[in-house]
Protein backbone atom coordinates (compact mmCIF):
# COMPACT_ATOMS: atom_id res chain seq x y z
CA MET A 1 81.72 123.98 112.05
CA ARG A 2 85.79 124.52 111.07
CA PHE A 3 86.99 121.67 112.88
CA LEU A 4 91.12 120.73 111.99
CA ARG A 5 91.40 123.29 109.22
CA VAL A 6 94.73 123.23 108.12
CA ALA A 7 96.62 126.71 109.60
CA ALA A 8 97.88 128.94 106.60
CA LEU A 9 98.69 131.90 108.06
CA CYS A 10 102.55 133.08 108.07
CA SER A 11 104.24 133.14 111.39
CA LEU A 12 104.18 136.99 112.28
CA LEU A 13 100.29 135.82 113.15
CA SER A 14 101.37 133.17 115.38
CA LEU A 15 103.45 135.54 117.47
CA ALA A 16 100.56 138.38 118.27
CA MET A 17 98.38 135.74 118.74
CA ALA A 18 98.95 136.18 122.82
CA SER A 19 97.94 140.01 122.40
CA ALA A 20 94.22 138.11 121.10
CA GLY A 21 93.04 138.69 124.33
CA ALA A 22 93.66 141.57 125.49
CA GLY A 23 90.44 142.68 123.90
CA PRO A 24 86.87 142.15 123.01
CA LEU A 25 86.94 139.83 119.68
CA LEU A 26 85.70 141.17 116.68
CA ASN A 27 82.66 139.92 115.44
CA ALA A 28 79.74 140.54 113.46
CA GLY A 29 78.12 143.98 114.12
CA SER A 30 82.23 145.44 115.42
CA PRO A 31 83.39 148.67 114.26
CA ALA A 32 86.03 147.72 111.04
CA PRO A 33 88.96 148.17 112.52
CA ALA A 34 90.83 150.80 110.65
CA ILE A 35 93.23 150.25 107.37
CA LYS A 36 96.54 151.03 107.96
CA GLY A 37 99.86 149.89 106.97
CA VAL A 38 99.51 148.58 103.31
CA SER A 39 101.65 148.53 101.00
CA TRP A 40 99.08 149.53 97.68
CA THR A 41 99.96 148.24 94.40
CA VAL A 42 97.28 147.70 92.22
CA GLY A 43 94.01 149.42 92.18
CA LYS A 44 92.80 153.02 94.00
CA PRO A 45 94.47 152.36 97.97
CA LEU A 46 91.99 151.17 100.49
CA ALA A 47 91.92 154.12 102.65
CA ALA A 48 88.67 154.18 104.57
CA PHE A 49 85.21 152.82 103.77
CA ALA A 50 82.78 154.70 102.10
CA LYS A 51 79.33 155.10 103.66
CA GLY A 52 76.29 153.31 101.92
CA SER A 53 78.82 151.13 100.03
CA LEU A 54 80.01 147.40 101.06
CA THR A 55 83.59 146.64 100.76
CA ALA A 56 85.15 143.11 100.82
CA VAL A 57 88.62 142.82 102.56
CA THR A 58 90.45 139.63 102.28
CA PHE A 59 93.85 138.87 103.74
CA TRP A 60 95.67 136.25 101.39
CA SER A 61 98.82 134.06 101.51
CA SER A 62 100.33 132.05 99.11
CA THR A 63 100.91 129.34 101.62
CA GLY A 64 96.76 129.23 102.13
CA ASP A 65 94.87 126.23 100.81
CA GLN A 66 94.53 126.83 97.39
CA ASP A 67 95.87 130.55 96.92
CA MET A 68 95.57 131.47 93.32
CA GLN A 69 91.67 130.05 92.94
CA VAL A 70 90.58 132.43 95.56
CA LEU A 71 91.78 135.51 93.80
CA GLN A 72 89.41 133.51 90.92
CA GLY A 73 86.91 133.20 93.14
CA LEU A 74 86.70 136.38 94.07
CA PHE A 75 87.04 137.96 90.75
CA GLU A 76 84.41 135.84 89.49
CA MET A 77 82.50 137.67 92.23
CA THR A 78 83.17 141.37 91.32
CA LYS A 79 81.33 140.56 87.84
CA ARG A 80 78.38 139.57 90.19
CA TYR A 81 78.52 142.81 92.38
CA PRO A 82 79.80 145.94 90.45
CA LYS A 83 79.44 148.09 93.32
CA VAL A 84 80.93 145.93 95.90
CA ARG A 85 84.62 147.35 96.57
CA PHE A 86 86.87 144.13 96.40
CA ALA A 87 90.28 144.22 97.62
CA VAL A 88 92.96 141.89 99.37
CA VAL A 89 95.79 142.04 101.52
CA ALA A 90 98.46 140.06 101.52
CA VAL A 91 100.23 139.35 104.91
CA GLN A 92 104.03 138.20 105.39
CA ASP A 93 104.65 135.61 103.13
CA PRO A 94 107.42 132.76 103.66
CA THR A 95 107.51 131.47 100.38
CA GLY A 96 108.97 134.62 98.93
CA PRO A 97 107.55 137.65 96.76
CA GLU A 98 107.56 135.95 93.18
CA PRO A 99 103.69 134.64 94.23
CA VAL A 100 102.51 138.51 95.52
CA ARG A 101 104.03 139.25 92.46
CA LYS A 102 101.75 136.81 90.65
CA ALA A 103 98.95 138.34 92.96
CA ALA A 104 98.89 140.64 92.09
CA ALA A 105 99.21 140.56 88.37
CA ALA A 106 96.09 138.55 89.08
CA ALA A 107 94.31 141.41 91.34
CA LYS A 108 95.30 144.01 88.39
CA ALA A 109 93.54 141.65 85.99
CA ALA A 110 90.82 141.32 87.52
CA GLY A 111 90.48 144.95 88.57
CA PHE A 112 90.38 144.96 92.76
CA THR A 113 92.46 146.43 94.55
CA PHE A 114 95.98 144.29 95.78
CA GLY A 115 98.76 145.41 98.94
CA GLN A 116 100.99 143.85 101.12
CA ASP A 117 100.48 144.46 104.93
CA THR A 118 104.17 143.86 105.70
CA THR A 119 104.71 144.77 109.13
CA GLY A 120 101.70 142.87 110.02
CA ALA A 121 99.80 145.43 112.07
CA LEU A 122 96.91 144.88 109.95
CA ALA A 123 96.28 141.00 110.37
CA LYS A 124 96.30 141.95 114.75
CA ALA A 125 94.09 144.88 114.43
CA TRP A 126 91.73 142.16 112.24
CA LEU A 127 93.11 138.78 111.79
CA VAL A 128 94.20 138.68 115.67
CA ALA A 129 91.48 140.40 116.95
CA ALA A 130 89.26 138.40 115.40
CA ASP A 131 90.18 135.29 116.50
CA GLU A 132 91.21 133.86 112.66
CA GLN A 133 93.81 131.87 111.94
CA ASP A 134 93.73 130.75 108.37
CA MET A 135 93.88 132.01 105.31
CA PRO A 136 92.22 133.32 102.98
CA MET A 137 90.15 135.24 105.68
CA ALA A 138 87.66 137.96 104.55
CA PHE A 139 85.84 140.18 106.35
CA LEU A 140 82.21 142.38 104.92
CA VAL A 141 82.20 146.12 106.14
CA GLY A 142 78.74 147.16 106.08
CA LYS A 143 76.79 150.18 104.38
CA ASP A 144 78.22 152.10 108.11
CA GLY A 145 81.50 151.06 108.40
CA SER A 146 80.59 147.93 111.01
CA LEU A 147 81.59 144.56 109.53
CA LEU A 148 78.76 142.20 108.96
CA TRP A 149 80.65 138.67 108.12
CA ILE A 150 83.76 137.00 108.37
CA GLY A 151 84.98 133.58 107.05
CA ASP A 152 86.38 132.20 104.27
CA PRO A 153 85.58 133.48 100.79
CA ARG A 154 84.64 130.84 99.65
CA GLY A 155 82.33 129.52 102.38
CA GLY A 156 79.87 132.26 101.98
CA LEU A 157 80.40 135.13 101.11
CA ASP A 158 78.32 135.45 97.94
CA TRP A 159 75.59 134.41 100.26
CA ALA A 160 76.43 137.56 102.11
CA LEU A 161 76.95 139.64 99.52
CA ARG A 162 73.79 138.64 97.84
CA GLN A 163 71.57 139.18 101.31
CA SER A 164 73.42 142.59 101.75
CA GLU A 165 72.48 144.01 98.71
CA ALA A 166 68.96 142.80 98.81
CA GLY A 167 68.88 144.60 102.69
CA LYS A 168 68.17 140.71 104.72
CA TRP A 169 70.73 140.47 106.12
CA ASN A 170 70.62 139.62 109.38
CA VAL A 171 73.68 140.42 111.43
CA ALA A 172 72.67 139.57 115.01
CA GLN A 173 71.65 136.12 113.75
CA PHE A 174 74.82 135.37 112.70
CA ALA A 175 77.00 137.27 114.74
CA LYS A 176 75.05 134.28 117.30
CA GLU A 177 76.58 131.28 115.36
CA ARG A 178 80.54 132.69 114.95
CA ALA A 179 80.39 132.74 118.51
CA LYS A 180 78.94 129.43 119.59
CA GLU A 181 81.42 128.27 115.97
CA LYS A 182 83.94 129.89 118.20
CA ALA A 183 82.88 128.37 121.91
CA ASP A 184 82.44 125.16 120.14
CA ASN A 185 86.17 125.55 118.36
CA ALA A 186 87.49 126.43 122.06
CA ARG A 187 85.48 123.49 123.53
CA TYR A 188 86.91 120.85 121.19
CA GLY A 189 90.81 122.41 121.46
CA ARG A 190 90.58 121.56 125.42
CA ILE A 191 89.45 118.02 124.45
CA MET A 192 91.55 117.54 121.89
CA THR A 193 95.16 118.69 123.66
CA LEU A 194 94.04 116.66 126.98
CA VAL A 195 93.30 113.64 124.49
CA ARG A 196 96.43 114.94 122.98
CA SER A 197 98.64 114.91 127.08
CA GLY A 198 98.00 111.45 127.55
CA LYS A 199 94.59 112.18 129.88
CA ALA A 200 92.48 110.18 126.95
CA LYS A 201 89.66 109.29 129.72
CA GLU A 202 89.46 113.24 130.35
CA GLY A 203 88.76 114.51 127.38
CA LEU A 204 86.05 111.52 126.54
CA ALA A 205 84.00 112.81 129.97
CA ASP A 206 83.65 116.37 128.84
CA LEU A 207 82.88 115.16 125.27
CA ASP A 208 80.78 113.19 126.83
CA LYS A 209 78.66 115.96 128.47
CA TRP A 210 79.26 118.01 125.67
CA MET A 211 77.16 115.61 123.51
CA ALA A 212 74.56 115.34 126.11
CA SER A 213 73.92 118.86 126.34
CA ASP A 214 73.97 119.84 122.17
CA LYS A 215 72.32 117.15 120.00
CA GLU A 216 73.70 118.82 116.94
CA MET A 217 77.03 118.61 118.05
CA ALA A 218 76.22 115.20 119.48
CA LYS A 219 75.72 114.15 115.55
CA ARG A 220 78.63 115.68 114.07
CA MET A 221 81.31 114.19 117.02
CA VAL A 222 80.59 110.42 116.69
CA LEU A 223 84.34 109.96 114.89
CA VAL A 224 85.79 112.28 117.63
CA ARG A 225 84.12 110.23 120.13
CA PHE A 226 85.48 106.67 118.44
CA ASP A 227 88.81 107.86 117.89
CA ILE A 228 89.14 109.18 121.94
CA LEU A 229 87.42 106.07 123.17
CA MET A 230 90.09 103.76 120.88
CA ARG A 231 92.83 105.62 123.35
CA ALA A 232 90.45 105.70 126.36
CA ASP A 233 88.98 102.40 126.31
CA GLU A 234 89.45 100.15 122.90
CA PRO A 235 87.24 97.60 123.94
CA ALA A 236 84.53 100.01 124.52
CA ALA A 237 85.75 101.95 120.75
CA TYR A 238 85.07 98.58 119.06
CA LYS A 239 81.61 98.34 120.50
CA TYR A 240 80.81 101.83 119.84
CA GLY A 241 81.69 102.03 115.92
CA ARG A 242 79.01 98.22 116.01
CA VAL A 243 76.39 100.80 117.45
CA LEU A 244 77.78 103.38 114.39
CA LEU A 245 78.02 100.44 111.67
CA THR A 246 74.17 99.52 112.32
CA GLY A 247 72.71 103.03 113.51
CA GLU A 248 73.23 106.42 112.19
CA LEU A 249 76.19 105.35 110.45
CA LYS A 250 75.39 102.60 108.20
CA ASP A 251 74.59 105.18 105.14
CA GLN A 252 77.94 107.19 105.07
CA SER A 253 80.15 105.39 103.42
CA GLY A 254 83.12 108.34 104.15
CA LEU A 255 82.89 107.83 107.54
CA LEU A 256 82.64 104.60 107.81
CA TRP A 257 85.82 104.20 105.53
CA LEU A 258 87.36 106.18 108.26
CA MET A 259 86.40 104.13 111.22
CA ALA A 260 87.66 100.69 109.14
CA ARG A 261 91.16 102.88 107.98
CA SER A 262 92.39 103.78 111.87
CA ILE A 263 91.85 100.71 112.95
CA VAL A 264 93.65 98.87 109.82
CA ASP A 265 96.13 100.75 109.30
CA ASP A 266 98.35 99.88 111.37
CA ASN A 267 97.85 102.01 114.18
CA PRO A 268 100.59 102.10 116.25
CA ILE A 269 97.54 103.22 119.96
CA LEU A 270 95.64 100.65 119.16
CA LYS A 271 96.56 96.87 121.25
CA LYS A 272 94.01 94.70 119.74
CA PRO A 273 92.33 95.65 116.74
CA ASP A 274 89.32 94.63 115.90
CA PHE A 275 90.18 93.70 111.88
CA LYS A 276 86.52 91.91 111.74
CA LEU A 277 85.00 95.80 112.72
CA ALA A 278 86.80 97.11 110.32
CA LEU A 279 86.04 94.19 107.43
CA ASP A 280 82.62 94.81 108.37
CA LEU A 281 82.61 98.75 107.78
CA SER A 282 84.31 98.68 105.08
CA GLN A 283 81.92 96.37 103.10
CA ARG A 284 79.27 98.40 103.88
CA SER A 285 81.12 100.88 102.67
CA ALA A 286 81.91 99.73 99.82
CA GLU A 287 78.32 98.66 99.34
CA ILE A 288 76.90 102.03 99.65
CA THR A 289 79.54 103.12 96.84
CA GLN A 290 79.28 99.49 94.61
CA PHE A 291 82.70 98.92 94.62
CA LYS A 292 83.62 101.38 92.70
CA ASP A 293 85.66 103.49 95.20
CA ALA A 294 89.30 102.57 94.93
CA ASN A 295 90.71 103.09 98.49
CA ILE A 296 87.53 101.63 100.03
CA LEU A 297 88.24 98.51 97.98
CA THR A 298 91.59 99.12 99.58
CA ALA A 299 90.54 99.23 102.67
CA LEU A 300 88.03 96.29 103.01
CA ALA A 301 91.55 93.98 100.83
CA TYR A 302 93.78 94.91 103.69
CA SER A 303 90.99 94.08 106.28
CA HIS A 304 90.45 90.72 104.39
CA TYR A 305 94.07 90.33 104.26
CA LYS A 306 94.74 91.72 108.49
CA LEU A 307 92.23 88.46 109.01
CA GLY A 308 94.55 85.96 106.55
CA ASN A 309 91.88 85.86 103.73
CA VAL A 310 94.85 86.76 100.99
CA ALA A 311 92.74 85.54 97.94
CA LYS A 312 89.91 87.61 98.47
CA ALA A 313 92.16 91.04 99.64
CA LEU A 314 94.50 90.09 96.54
CA GLU A 315 90.98 89.89 94.46
CA LEU A 316 90.03 93.39 95.86
CA GLN A 317 93.36 94.85 95.23
CA GLU A 318 93.24 94.21 91.59
CA LYS A 319 90.08 95.27 91.12
CA ALA A 320 90.68 98.87 92.89
CA MET A 321 94.29 99.82 90.81
CA PRO A 322 92.76 100.70 87.40
CA ILE A 323 89.85 102.39 89.04
CA ALA A 324 92.83 104.62 91.17
CA GLU A 325 94.79 104.98 88.07
CA ALA A 326 91.97 105.96 86.24
CA ASN A 327 91.11 108.20 88.96
CA LYS A 328 93.07 112.01 89.11
CA GLU A 329 92.12 113.29 91.97
CA ILE A 330 93.64 110.69 93.55
CA PRO A 331 96.76 111.13 94.79
CA GLU A 332 100.63 109.48 93.40
CA GLN A 333 100.99 108.91 97.05
CA VAL A 334 97.82 107.29 97.58
CA LYS A 335 98.41 105.44 94.75
CA ALA A 336 101.71 104.29 95.19
CA THR A 337 100.02 102.52 98.24
CA MET A 338 97.97 100.84 96.60
CA ARG A 339 100.67 98.99 94.54
CA GLN A 340 102.95 98.06 97.61
CA ARG A 341 99.95 96.34 98.77
CA LEU A 342 98.84 95.25 95.61
CA GLN A 343 102.43 93.67 95.42
CA LEU A 344 102.57 92.34 99.39
CA PHE A 345 99.01 90.71 98.46
CA ARG A 346 100.53 88.86 95.37
CA SER A 347 103.62 87.27 96.97
CA LYS A 348 101.50 86.34 99.95
CA LYS A 349 99.55 84.45 97.56
CA ALA A 350 102.14 83.17 95.89
CA LYS A 351 103.82 81.63 99.08
């Protein structure tokens, strides 16, 4: 599932999305659209798909997630699949020409074809028609010119290539799964639209029907249900949180931590925050991680602070700080918040 993914497509796609419903969406098994309107700057231009060969077309933008790493990943794939043709198309980019020049240089060094969709026509024919709004987005074209796979090239392209070369790729099964994913995403979007428009109870009712009819979805949506409940029925949300804490999420440190934060981090939607629940959630999360995770310790410390346990909050935050400072993966902005909490606890204890 790709819920709440960060949109990275440029403005041309937003304008073109209105036309997406005009015809059938592209899916695995559909004929690959024509390649038109691309200014090829590196490698042999891709004008048509060679019969009997696999082609991987990736749409790329410098505004995408980990943009240059995507190209490096494709470069590694060219080594594993020398018979496959790889092409990258940069869509119109609001960040200017410099990122595209760097991408072209990387493509040249890697040995795959690179071009620019300067008008947006190709993005419309492929991305919009496939109802894809994120970047990067790859399309695997089969030996017969039909689409075999569509998705983030970092999450499945390698597997699809391997299975396709071995003659084991199940196009129909993938198309079925992708169609369900699209339907699930659409329903999720409708639910969240209701919630954002102040109709949390209506959104919750739809979500509960969905979860009752789809056991797999029910497992995935517990955190979403907790969040919506806090808007629709705050006391019921805390009861549900207790159920999750002692039930299906009792060993899920990350999800418990997120639930705790949604309560304790000065959430403006809450009228009577249950800080005891936040404490119990973060305490269990800290136990699972053996009190070695700075983010979780910070949530636990703040929960104690909210309950008036300043000394304990200070003790935990002092324990969290050296762990945080040594962790390069924690953003500086987050570390700054942790330092502010530490100073807050110290000042309150001194008084």
